[in-house]
Protein backbone atom coordinates (compact mmCIF):
# COMPACT_ATOMS: atom_id res chain seq x y z
CA MET A 1 24.02 13.57 75.88
CA GLU A 2 21.28 11.62 77.31
CA ASN A 3 18.72 13.24 79.52
CA PRO A 4 18.03 10.93 82.45
CA LEU A 5 14.46 12.18 82.67
CA LEU A 6 13.69 11.34 79.03
CA GLY A 7 15.28 7.93 79.16
CA GLY A 8 17.36 8.01 75.97
CA ARG A 9 14.88 10.02 73.97
CA ASP A 10 17.47 12.62 72.97
CA ASP A 11 19.46 10.01 71.09
CA ARG A 12 16.37 8.68 69.39
CA THR A 13 15.19 12.20 68.62
CA GLU A 14 18.57 13.07 67.12
CA ALA A 15 18.56 9.87 65.10
CA LEU A 16 15.06 10.57 63.82
CA LEU A 17 16.00 14.15 63.04
CA GLY A 18 19.09 12.95 61.16
CA ASP A 19 16.98 10.43 59.23
CA SER A 20 14.46 13.15 58.41
CA LEU A 21 17.21 15.47 57.16
CA ARG A 22 18.72 12.72 54.99
CA THR A 23 15.27 11.88 53.61
CA ASN A 24 14.70 15.56 52.90
CA GLU A 25 18.06 15.82 51.07
CA GLU A 26 17.34 12.67 49.05
CA THR A 27 13.89 13.98 48.17
CA GLU A 28 15.40 17.29 47.06
CA GLU A 29 17.96 15.47 44.89
CA ILE A 30 15.22 13.34 43.32
CA GLY A 31 13.12 16.47 42.73
CA ASN A 32 16.06 18.26 41.09
CA ALA A 33 16.79 15.25 38.89
CA THR A 34 13.11 15.11 37.91
CA LEU A 35 13.14 18.81 37.06
CA ASP A 36 16.24 18.31 34.90
CA ARG A 37 14.55 15.46 33.03
CA LEU A 38 11.42 17.54 32.56
CA ARG A 39 13.52 20.42 31.16
CA GLN A 40 15.19 18.04 28.72
CA GLN A 41 11.83 16.67 27.65
CA ARG A 42 10.47 20.19 27.17
CA GLU A 43 13.45 21.04 24.96
CA GLN A 44 12.87 17.86 22.95
CA LEU A 45 9.19 18.68 22.56
CA GLU A 46 10.00 22.23 21.46
CA ALA A 47 12.51 20.92 18.92
CA SER A 48 9.95 18.38 17.70
CA ALA A 49 7.35 21.12 17.34
CA GLU A 50 9.79 23.19 15.26
CA THR A 51 10.58 20.18 13.10
CA ALA A 52 6.86 19.49 12.61
CA ALA A 53 6.25 23.12 11.63
CA ASP A 54 9.14 22.97 9.14
CA THR A 55 7.76 19.73 7.74
CA ARG A 56 4.31 21.32 7.31
CA ARG A 57 5.88 24.27 5.46
CA VAL A 58 7.88 21.98 3.19
CA THR A 59 4.80 19.84 2.54
CA ARG A 60 2.72 22.91 1.70
CA ASP A 61 5.39 24.18 -0.69
CA ALA A 62 5.74 20.74 -2.28
CA ARG A 63 1.97 20.50 -2.73
CA ARG A 64 1.93 23.93 -4.38
CA THR A 65 4.79 22.92 -6.67
CA LEU A 66 3.08 19.66 -7.61
CA LYS A 67 -0.14 21.51 -8.44
CA ALA A 68 1.82 23.91 -10.66
CA ILE A 69 3.50 21.00 -12.43
CA ALA A 70 0.15 19.23 -12.89
CA TRP A 71 -1.38 22.40 -14.38
CA LYS A 72 1.59 22.78 -16.74
CA VAL A 73 1.29 19.14 -17.86
CA PHE A 74 -2.46 19.65 -18.44
CA ARG A 75 -1.82 22.74 -20.59
CA GLU A 76 0.86 20.93 -22.59
CA LYS A 77 -1.47 17.97 -23.20
CA LEU A 78 -4.25 20.32 -24.24
CA THR A 79 -1.87 22.09 -26.63
CA LEU A 80 -0.77 18.74 -28.10
CA ILE A 81 -4.40 17.67 -28.55
CA LEU A 82 -5.16 20.94 -30.38
CA VAL A 83 -2.08 20.59 -32.62
CA ILE A 84 -2.94 16.95 -33.41
CA THR A 85 -6.53 17.95 -34.17
CA CYS A 86 -5.35 20.72 -36.52
CA LEU A 87 -2.92 18.36 -38.27
CA LEU A 88 -5.66 15.75 -38.67
CA ALA A 89 -7.98 18.36 -40.12
CA ILE A 90 -5.28 19.40 -42.59
CA ASP A 91 -4.61 15.74 -43.50
CA PHE A 92 -8.32 15.11 -44.11
CA ALA A 93 -8.59 18.28 -46.16
CA LEU A 94 -5.61 17.28 -48.30
CA ALA A 95 -6.92 13.72 -48.67
CA TYR A 96 -10.31 15.06 -49.76
CA ARG A 97 -8.63 17.39 -52.24
CA LEU A 98 -6.54 14.52 -53.62
CA VAL A 99 -9.64 12.33 -54.03
CA THR A 100 -11.82 15.03 -55.56
CA HIS A 101 -9.15 16.36 -57.96
CA HIS A 102 -7.91 12.95 -59.14
CA GLY A 103 -4.48 13.04 -57.51
CA SER A 104 -3.48 16.66 -58.02
CA LEU A 105 -3.49 19.26 -55.33
């Protein structure tokens, strides 16, 4: 319906209004798609944060275990050094006794 006073403006106005509505719908679809992608990214970031926290816990536990193992190895080495020192002292004492007593203990 064209208004003779407006000179075809109704058709143009309707066309512009239709274009505006289509643009609005497209913009809404793009916005919804963007929101969906942002939700997915948030979920990925949250999962990554959980994985990082788990990794930190595992690393802390592993570090604690390695320190315990290192301490145990140190104690065992110290014990071996003491045993070797005692055995050497006994060997030297026996050797001295053998030398000073002409071969008899």
